[in-house]
Amino acid sequence: MNISEHARILSAYLRRLNKKDLDRIIKADAKCWYASQNNGTNEQIKVQNEFDSVILDIMGNMLSHDRENITTIVAKIVNREVTA
């Protein structure tokens, strides 16, 4: 995949997230960065698992129609049906 294709996929996800979800991701990510710089491996793994749980929860709350749209975008990119 080229940069444009990666950007298209990321944009598809970001456009479907609300501010609350983005804030949750940013907060969880900040905890991961802090743990990676200041804590041991066990704490880093724990915080990374918490981050993954936040992402899973957000994706689970996303409208199925939005997930279907993202799936279509990814399928087109994987099959090289990219128009832009």
PDB file of N, CA and C in Angstrom:
ATOM      1  N   MET A   1       0.837  -1.187   0.000  1.00  0.00           N
ATOM      2  CA  MET A   1       0.000   0.000   0.000  1.00  0.00           C
ATOM      3  C   MET A   1       0.875   1.241   0.000  1.00  0.00           C
ATOM      4  N   ASN A   2       0.406   2.242  -0.701  1.00  0.00           N
ATOM      5  CA  ASN A   2       1.158   3.492  -0.694  1.00  0.00           C
ATOM      6  C   ASN A   2       0.617   4.427   0.391  1.00  0.00           C
ATOM      7  N   ILE A   3       1.247   5.558   0.560  1.00  0.00           N
ATOM      8  CA  ILE A   3       0.885   6.492   1.623  1.00  0.00           C
ATOM      9  C   ILE A   3      -0.551   6.982   1.452  1.00  0.00           C
ATOM     10  N   SER A   4      -0.939   7.268   0.243  1.00  0.00           N
ATOM     11  CA  SER A   4      -2.294   7.748  -0.026  1.00  0.00           C
ATOM     12  C   SER A   4      -3.341   6.722   0.403  1.00  0.00           C
ATOM     13  N   GLU A   5      -3.064   5.463   0.179  1.00  0.00           N
ATOM     14  CA  GLU A   5      -4.001   4.403   0.558  1.00  0.00           C
ATOM     15  C   GLU A   5      -4.098   4.274   2.083  1.00  0.00           C
ATOM     16  N   HIS A   6      -2.962   4.349   2.746  1.00  0.00           N
ATOM     17  CA  HIS A   6      -2.976   4.325   4.211  1.00  0.00           C
ATOM     18  C   HIS A   6      -3.768   5.523   4.745  1.00  0.00           C
ATOM     19  N   ALA A   7      -3.536   6.683   4.163  1.00  0.00           N
ATOM     20  CA  ALA A   7      -4.239   7.893   4.594  1.00  0.00           C
ATOM     21  C   ALA A   7      -5.745   7.759   4.382  1.00  0.00           C
ATOM     22  N   ARG A   8      -6.132   7.157   3.290  1.00  0.00           N
ATOM     23  CA  ARG A   8      -7.558   6.973   3.002  1.00  0.00           C
ATOM     24  C   ARG A   8      -8.227   6.075   4.049  1.00  0.00           C
ATOM     25  N   ILE A   9      -7.544   5.014   4.448  1.00  0.00           N
ATOM     26  CA  ILE A   9      -8.084   4.109   5.467  1.00  0.00           C
ATOM     27  C   ILE A   9      -8.164   4.812   6.817  1.00  0.00           C
ATOM     28  N   LEU A  10      -7.088   5.490   7.218  1.00  0.00           N
ATOM     29  CA  LEU A  10      -7.094   6.209   8.495  1.00  0.00           C
ATOM     30  C   LEU A  10      -8.189   7.267   8.507  1.00  0.00           C
ATOM     31  N   SER A  11      -8.324   7.989   7.431  1.00  0.00           N
ATOM     32  CA  SER A  11      -9.359   9.012   7.328  1.00  0.00           C
ATOM     33  C   SER A  11     -10.752   8.405   7.461  1.00  0.00           C
ATOM     34  N   ALA A  12     -10.961   7.241   6.870  1.00  0.00           N
ATOM     35  CA  ALA A  12     -12.269   6.569   6.966  1.00  0.00           C
ATOM     36  C   ALA A  12     -12.621   6.291   8.420  1.00  0.00           C
ATOM     37  N   TYR A  13     -11.644   5.846   9.199  1.00  0.00           N
ATOM     38  CA  TYR A  13     -11.893   5.596  10.620  1.00  0.00           C
ATOM     39  C   TYR A  13     -12.108   6.899  11.386  1.00  0.00           C
ATOM     40  N   LEU A  14     -11.217   7.851  11.208  1.00  0.00           N
ATOM     41  CA  LEU A  14     -11.276   9.082  11.987  1.00  0.00           C
ATOM     42  C   LEU A  14     -12.558   9.860  11.740  1.00  0.00           C
ATOM     43  N   ARG A  15     -13.048   9.839  10.520  1.00  0.00           N
ATOM     44  CA  ARG A  15     -14.280  10.571  10.199  1.00  0.00           C
ATOM     45  C   ARG A  15     -15.502   9.979  10.884  1.00  0.00           C
ATOM     46  N   ARG A  16     -15.396   8.762  11.320  1.00  0.00           N
ATOM     47  CA  ARG A  16     -16.536   8.096  11.946  1.00  0.00           C
ATOM     48  C   ARG A  16     -16.457   8.071  13.470  1.00  0.00           C
ATOM     49  N   LEU A  17     -15.421   8.696  14.022  1.00  0.00           N
ATOM     50  CA  LEU A  17     -15.278   8.768  15.474  1.00  0.00           C
ATOM     51  C   LEU A  17     -15.754  10.121  15.977  1.00  0.00           C
ATOM     52  N   ASN A  18     -16.379  10.114  17.139  1.00  0.00           N
ATOM     53  CA  ASN A  18     -16.772  11.394  17.725  1.00  0.00           C
ATOM     54  C   ASN A  18     -15.652  11.902  18.634  1.00  0.00           C
ATOM     55  N   LYS A  19     -15.800  13.122  19.126  1.00  0.00           N
ATOM     56  CA  LYS A  19     -14.757  13.737  19.945  1.00  0.00           C
ATOM     57  C   LYS A  19     -14.488  12.932  21.216  1.00  0.00           C
ATOM     58  N   LYS A  20     -15.540  12.395  21.822  1.00  0.00           N
ATOM     59  CA  LYS A  20     -15.369  11.605  23.045  1.00  0.00           C
ATOM     60  C   LYS A  20     -14.482  10.391  22.776  1.00  0.00           C
ATOM     61  N   ASP A  21     -14.726   9.700  21.663  1.00  0.00           N
ATOM     62  CA  ASP A  21     -13.912   8.536  21.315  1.00  0.00           C
ATOM     63  C   ASP A  21     -12.469   8.936  21.040  1.00  0.00           C
ATOM     64  N   LEU A  22     -12.280  10.018  20.307  1.00  0.00           N
ATOM     65  CA  LEU A  22     -10.917  10.488  20.035  1.00  0.00           C
ATOM     66  C   LEU A  22     -10.195  10.852  21.324  1.00  0.00           C
ATOM     67  N   ASP A  23     -10.904  11.499  22.239  1.00  0.00           N
ATOM     68  CA  ASP A  23     -10.297  11.849  23.526  1.00  0.00           C
ATOM     69  C   ASP A  23      -9.897  10.597  24.307  1.00  0.00           C
ATOM     70  N   ARG A  24     -10.741   9.570  24.270  1.00  0.00           N
ATOM     71  CA  ARG A  24     -10.408   8.311  24.953  1.00  0.00           C
ATOM     72  C   ARG A  24      -9.150   7.690  24.353  1.00  0.00           C
ATOM     73  N   ILE A  25      -9.030   7.720  23.039  1.00  0.00           N
ATOM     74  CA  ILE A  25      -7.852   7.161  22.369  1.00  0.00           C
ATOM     75  C   ILE A  25      -6.605   7.954  22.754  1.00  0.00           C
ATOM     76  N   ILE A  26      -6.703   9.267  22.723  1.00  0.00           N
ATOM     77  CA  ILE A  26      -5.554  10.116  23.060  1.00  0.00           C
ATOM     78  C   ILE A  26      -5.115   9.893  24.500  1.00  0.00           C
ATOM     79  N   LYS A  27      -6.072   9.794  25.413  1.00  0.00           N
ATOM     80  CA  LYS A  27      -5.745   9.564  26.824  1.00  0.00           C
ATOM     81  C   LYS A  27      -5.066   8.207  27.011  1.00  0.00           C
ATOM     82  N   ALA A  28      -5.612   7.175  26.384  1.00  0.00           N
ATOM     83  CA  ALA A  28      -5.017   5.834  26.496  1.00  0.00           C
ATOM     84  C   ALA A  28      -3.625   5.804  25.868  1.00  0.00           C
ATOM     85  N   ASP A  29      -3.461   6.513  24.760  1.00  0.00           N
ATOM     86  CA  ASP A  29      -2.159   6.569  24.100  1.00  0.00           C
ATOM     87  C   ASP A  29      -1.130   7.281  24.975  1.00  0.00           C
ATOM     88  N   ALA A  30      -1.547   8.358  25.638  1.00  0.00           N
ATOM     89  CA  ALA A  30      -0.637   9.087  26.528  1.00  0.00           C
ATOM     90  C   ALA A  30      -0.166   8.192  27.670  1.00  0.00           C
ATOM     91  N   LYS A  31      -1.081   7.364  28.193  1.00  0.00           N
ATOM     92  CA  LYS A  31      -0.691   6.425  29.251  1.00  0.00           C
ATOM     93  C   LYS A  31       0.335   5.422  28.732  1.00  0.00           C
ATOM     94  N   CYS A  32       0.165   4.983  27.483  1.00  0.00           N
ATOM     95  CA  CYS A  32       1.128   4.043  26.890  1.00  0.00           C
ATOM     96  C   CYS A  32       2.507   4.688  26.754  1.00  0.00           C
ATOM     97  N   TRP A  33       2.525   5.925  26.263  1.00  0.00           N
ATOM     98  CA  TRP A  33       3.804   6.613  26.115  1.00  0.00           C
ATOM     99  C   TRP A  33       4.481   6.795  27.467  1.00  0.00           C
ATOM    100  N   TYR A  34       3.698   7.190  28.464  1.00  0.00           N
ATOM    101  CA  TYR A  34       4.265   7.385  29.794  1.00  0.00           C
ATOM    102  C   TYR A  34       4.839   6.077  30.321  1.00  0.00           C
ATOM    103  N   ALA A  35       4.073   5.006  30.194  1.00  0.00           N
ATOM    104  CA  ALA A  35       4.532   3.701  30.692  1.00  0.00           C
ATOM    105  C   ALA A  35       5.782   3.241  29.961  1.00  0.00           C
ATOM    106  N   SER A  36       5.844   3.500  28.663  1.00  0.00           N
ATOM    107  CA  SER A  36       7.015   3.043  27.907  1.00  0.00           C
ATOM    108  C   SER A  36       8.288   3.776  28.317  1.00  0.00           C
ATOM    109  N   GLN A  37       8.132   4.986  28.829  1.00  0.00           N
ATOM    110  CA  GLN A  37       9.295   5.776  29.225  1.00  0.00           C
ATOM    111  C   GLN A  37       9.635   5.656  30.717  1.00  0.00           C
ATOM    112  N   ASN A  38       8.668   5.223  31.522  1.00  0.00           N
ATOM    113  CA  ASN A  38       8.855   5.308  32.967  1.00  0.00           C
ATOM    114  C   ASN A  38       8.590   4.031  33.757  1.00  0.00           C
ATOM    115  N   ASN A  39       8.039   3.014  33.125  1.00  0.00           N
ATOM    116  CA  ASN A  39       7.660   1.822  33.859  1.00  0.00           C
ATOM    117  C   ASN A  39       8.315   0.577  33.275  1.00  0.00           C
ATOM    118  N   GLY A  40       8.180  -0.499  34.017  1.00  0.00           N
ATOM    119  CA  GLY A  40       8.723  -1.770  33.576  1.00  0.00           C
ATOM    120  C   GLY A  40       7.830  -2.444  32.541  1.00  0.00           C
ATOM    121  N   THR A  41       8.308  -3.570  32.076  1.00  0.00           N
ATOM    122  CA  THR A  41       7.625  -4.300  31.019  1.00  0.00           C
ATOM    123  C   THR A  41       6.212  -4.711  31.410  1.00  0.00           C
ATOM    124  N   ASN A  42       6.031  -5.212  32.612  1.00  0.00           N
ATOM    125  CA  ASN A  42       4.694  -5.646  33.033  1.00  0.00           C
ATOM    126  C   ASN A  42       3.683  -4.508  32.972  1.00  0.00           C
ATOM    127  N   GLU A  43       4.056  -3.342  33.449  1.00  0.00           N
ATOM    128  CA  GLU A  43       3.151  -2.188  33.415  1.00  0.00           C
ATOM    129  C   GLU A  43       2.906  -1.740  31.978  1.00  0.00           C
ATOM    130  N   GLN A  44       3.939  -1.786  31.162  1.00  0.00           N
ATOM    131  CA  GLN A  44       3.782  -1.412  29.754  1.00  0.00           C
ATOM    132  C   GLN A  44       2.769  -2.318  29.063  1.00  0.00           C
ATOM    133  N   ILE A  45       2.873  -3.606  29.323  1.00  0.00           N
ATOM    134  CA  ILE A  45       1.939  -4.574  28.722  1.00  0.00           C
ATOM    135  C   ILE A  45       0.525  -4.329  29.236  1.00  0.00           C
ATOM    136  N   LYS A  46       0.396  -4.076  30.536  1.00  0.00           N
ATOM    137  CA  LYS A  46      -0.925  -3.807  31.123  1.00  0.00           C
ATOM    138  C   LYS A  46      -1.570  -2.593  30.469  1.00  0.00           C
ATOM    139  N   VAL A  47      -0.817  -1.518  30.320  1.00  0.00           N
ATOM    140  CA  VAL A  47      -1.352  -0.290  29.745  1.00  0.00           C
ATOM    141  C   VAL A  47      -1.647  -0.473  28.255  1.00  0.00           C
ATOM    142  N   GLN A  48      -0.814  -1.229  27.554  1.00  0.00           N
ATOM    143  CA  GLN A  48      -1.075  -1.512  26.138  1.00  0.00           C
ATOM    144  C   GLN A  48      -2.372  -2.309  25.990  1.00  0.00           C
ATOM    145  N   ASN A  49      -2.591  -3.261  26.893  1.00  0.00           N
ATOM    146  CA  ASN A  49      -3.845  -4.028  26.863  1.00  0.00           C
ATOM    147  C   ASN A  49      -5.047  -3.124  27.127  1.00  0.00           C
ATOM    148  N   GLU A  50      -4.889  -2.155  28.026  1.00  0.00           N
ATOM    149  CA  GLU A  50      -5.960  -1.188  28.280  1.00  0.00           C
ATOM    150  C   GLU A  50      -6.240  -0.363  27.030  1.00  0.00           C
ATOM    151  N   PHE A  51      -5.178   0.042  26.335  1.00  0.00           N
ATOM    152  CA  PHE A  51      -5.324   0.795  25.080  1.00  0.00           C
ATOM    153  C   PHE A  51      -6.102  -0.037  24.068  1.00  0.00           C
ATOM    154  N   ASP A  52      -5.705  -1.299  23.914  1.00  0.00           N
ATOM    155  CA  ASP A  52      -6.387  -2.181  22.969  1.00  0.00           C
ATOM    156  C   ASP A  52      -7.860  -2.351  23.334  1.00  0.00           C
ATOM    157  N   SER A  53      -8.166  -2.392  24.623  1.00  0.00           N
ATOM    158  CA  SER A  53      -9.556  -2.506  25.081  1.00  0.00           C
ATOM    159  C   SER A  53     -10.365  -1.265  24.720  1.00  0.00           C
ATOM    160  N   VAL A  54      -9.749  -0.103  24.837  1.00  0.00           N
ATOM    161  CA  VAL A  54     -10.420   1.141  24.452  1.00  0.00           C
ATOM    162  C   VAL A  54     -10.767   1.104  22.965  1.00  0.00           C
ATOM    163  N   ILE A  55      -9.801   0.706  22.149  1.00  0.00           N
ATOM    164  CA  ILE A  55     -10.026   0.629  20.694  1.00  0.00           C
ATOM    165  C   ILE A  55     -11.136  -0.368  20.381  1.00  0.00           C
ATOM    166  N   LEU A  56     -11.086  -1.528  21.005  1.00  0.00           N
ATOM    167  CA  LEU A  56     -12.104  -2.549  20.763  1.00  0.00           C
ATOM    168  C   LEU A  56     -13.489  -2.036  21.162  1.00  0.00           C
ATOM    169  N   ASP A  57     -13.580  -1.351  22.290  1.00  0.00           N
ATOM    170  CA  ASP A  57     -14.853  -0.801  22.735  1.00  0.00           C
ATOM    171  C   ASP A  57     -15.377   0.230  21.744  1.00  0.00           C
ATOM    172  N   ILE A  58     -14.512   1.099  21.291  1.00  0.00           N
ATOM    173  CA  ILE A  58     -14.916   2.143  20.335  1.00  0.00           C
ATOM    174  C   ILE A  58     -15.387   1.511  19.023  1.00  0.00           C
ATOM    175  N   MET A  59     -14.653   0.530  18.540  1.00  0.00           N
ATOM    176  CA  MET A  59     -15.062  -0.134  17.300  1.00  0.00           C
ATOM    177  C   MET A  59     -16.385  -0.875  17.485  1.00  0.00           C
ATOM    178  N   GLY A  60     -16.589  -1.444  18.666  1.00  0.00           N
ATOM    179  CA  GLY A  60     -17.832  -2.148  18.952  1.00  0.00           C
ATOM    180  C   GLY A  60     -19.030  -1.224  19.004  1.00  0.00           C
ATOM    181  N   ASN A  61     -18.784   0.031  19.384  1.00  0.00           N
ATOM    182  CA  ASN A  61     -19.865   1.011  19.462  1.00  0.00           C
ATOM    183  C   ASN A  61     -20.115   1.728  18.141  1.00  0.00           C
ATOM    184  N   MET A  62     -19.230   1.532  17.180  1.00  0.00           N
ATOM    185  CA  MET A  62     -19.394   2.179  15.883  1.00  0.00           C
ATOM    186  C   MET A  62     -20.610   1.583  15.173  1.00  0.00           C
ATOM    187  N   LEU A  63     -21.319   2.395  14.455  1.00  0.00           N
ATOM    188  CA  LEU A  63     -22.466   1.902  13.693  1.00  0.00           C
ATOM    189  C   LEU A  63     -22.019   0.839  12.696  1.00  0.00           C
ATOM    190  N   SER A  64     -22.821  -0.197  12.563  1.00  0.00           N
ATOM    191  CA  SER A  64     -22.453  -1.271  11.635  1.00  0.00           C
ATOM    192  C   SER A  64     -22.334  -0.738  10.211  1.00  0.00           C
ATOM    193  N   HIS A  65     -23.154   0.243   9.865  1.00  0.00           N
ATOM    194  CA  HIS A  65     -23.076   0.843   8.531  1.00  0.00           C
ATOM    195  C   HIS A  65     -21.706   1.500   8.313  1.00  0.00           C
ATOM    196  N   ASP A  66     -21.191   2.171   9.338  1.00  0.00           N
ATOM    197  CA  ASP A  66     -19.874   2.799   9.230  1.00  0.00           C
ATOM    198  C   ASP A  66     -18.783   1.745   9.066  1.00  0.00           C
ATOM    199  N   ARG A  67     -18.875   0.652   9.829  1.00  0.00           N
ATOM    200  CA  ARG A  67     -17.879  -0.424   9.690  1.00  0.00           C
ATOM    201  C   ARG A  67     -17.954  -1.033   8.288  1.00  0.00           C
ATOM    202  N   GLU A  68     -19.153  -1.177   7.756  1.00  0.00           N
ATOM    203  CA  GLU A  68     -19.315  -1.715   6.400  1.00  0.00           C
ATOM    204  C   GLU A  68     -18.683  -0.783   5.362  1.00  0.00           C
ATOM    205  N   ASN A  69     -18.876   0.527   5.541  1.00  0.00           N
ATOM    206  CA  ASN A  69     -18.254   1.484   4.627  1.00  0.00           C
ATOM    207  C   ASN A  69     -16.731   1.382   4.668  1.00  0.00           C
ATOM    208  N   ILE A  70     -16.177   1.254   5.870  1.00  0.00           N
ATOM    209  CA  ILE A  70     -14.726   1.126   6.015  1.00  0.00           C
ATOM    210  C   ILE A  70     -14.250  -0.174   5.373  1.00  0.00           C
ATOM    211  N   THR A  71     -14.998  -1.253   5.568  1.00  0.00           N
ATOM    212  CA  THR A  71     -14.651  -2.531   4.950  1.00  0.00           C
ATOM    213  C   THR A  71     -14.613  -2.398   3.434  1.00  0.00           C
ATOM    214  N   THR A  72     -15.570  -1.683   2.873  1.00  0.00           N
ATOM    215  CA  THR A  72     -15.605  -1.466   1.425  1.00  0.00           C
ATOM    216  C   THR A  72     -14.384  -0.689   0.955  1.00  0.00           C
ATOM    217  N   ILE A  73     -14.027   0.353   1.700  1.00  0.00           N
ATOM    218  CA  ILE A  73     -12.852   1.157   1.347  1.00  0.00           C
ATOM    219  C   ILE A  73     -11.595   0.302   1.387  1.00  0.00           C
ATOM    220  N   VAL A  74     -11.426  -0.478   2.450  1.00  0.00           N
ATOM    221  CA  VAL A  74     -10.243  -1.337   2.583  1.00  0.00           C
ATOM    222  C   VAL A  74     -10.218  -2.373   1.468  1.00  0.00           C
ATOM    223  N   ALA A  75     -11.363  -2.980   1.164  1.00  0.00           N
ATOM    224  CA  ALA A  75     -11.420  -3.996   0.101  1.00  0.00           C
ATOM    225  C   ALA A  75     -11.019  -3.388  -1.240  1.00  0.00           C
ATOM    226  N   LYS A  76     -11.479  -2.191  -1.530  1.00  0.00           N
ATOM    227  CA  LYS A  76     -11.115  -1.537  -2.788  1.00  0.00           C
ATOM    228  C   LYS A  76      -9.617  -1.273  -2.853  1.00  0.00           C
ATOM    229  N   ILE A  77      -9.051  -0.864  -1.711  1.00  0.00           N
ATOM    230  CA  ILE A  77      -7.616  -0.585  -1.686  1.00  0.00           C
ATOM    231  C   ILE A  77      -6.829  -1.873  -1.850  1.00  0.00           C
ATOM    232  N   VAL A  78      -7.220  -2.895  -1.139  1.00  0.00           N
ATOM    233  CA  VAL A  78      -6.509  -4.179  -1.226  1.00  0.00           C
ATOM    234  C   VAL A  78      -6.588  -4.728  -2.648  1.00  0.00           C
ATOM    235  N   ASN A  79      -7.710  -4.541  -3.282  1.00  0.00           N
ATOM    236  CA  ASN A  79      -7.889  -5.020  -4.654  1.00  0.00           C
ATOM    237  C   ASN A  79      -7.416  -4.006  -5.688  1.00  0.00           C
ATOM    238  N   ARG A  80      -6.783  -2.948  -5.215  1.00  0.00           N
ATOM    239  CA  ARG A  80      -6.225  -1.895  -6.071  1.00  0.00           C
ATOM    240  C   ARG A  80      -7.259  -1.231  -6.967  1.00  0.00           C
ATOM    241  N   GLU A  81      -8.423  -0.957  -6.381  1.00  0.00           N
ATOM    242  CA  GLU A  81      -9.473  -0.228  -7.083  1.00  0.00           C
ATOM    243  C   GLU A  81      -9.493   1.212  -6.621  1.00  0.00           C
ATOM    244  N   VAL A  82      -8.331   1.730  -6.264  1.00  0.00           N
ATOM    245  CA  VAL A  82      -8.217   3.065  -5.717  1.00  0.00           C
ATOM    246  C   VAL A  82      -8.462   4.087  -6.831  1.00  0.00           C
ATOM    247  N   THR A  83      -9.294   5.064  -6.538  1.00  0.00           N
ATOM    248  CA  THR A  83      -9.595   6.099  -7.533  1.00  0.00           C
ATOM    249  C   THR A  83      -8.849   7.389  -7.274  1.00  0.00           C
ATOM    250  N   ALA A  84      -8.329   7.549  -6.055  1.00  0.00           N
ATOM    251  CA  ALA A  84      -7.620   8.794  -5.752  1.00  0.00           C
ATOM    252  C   ALA A  84      -6.294   8.502  -5.094  1.00  0.00           C
TER     253      ALA A  84
END
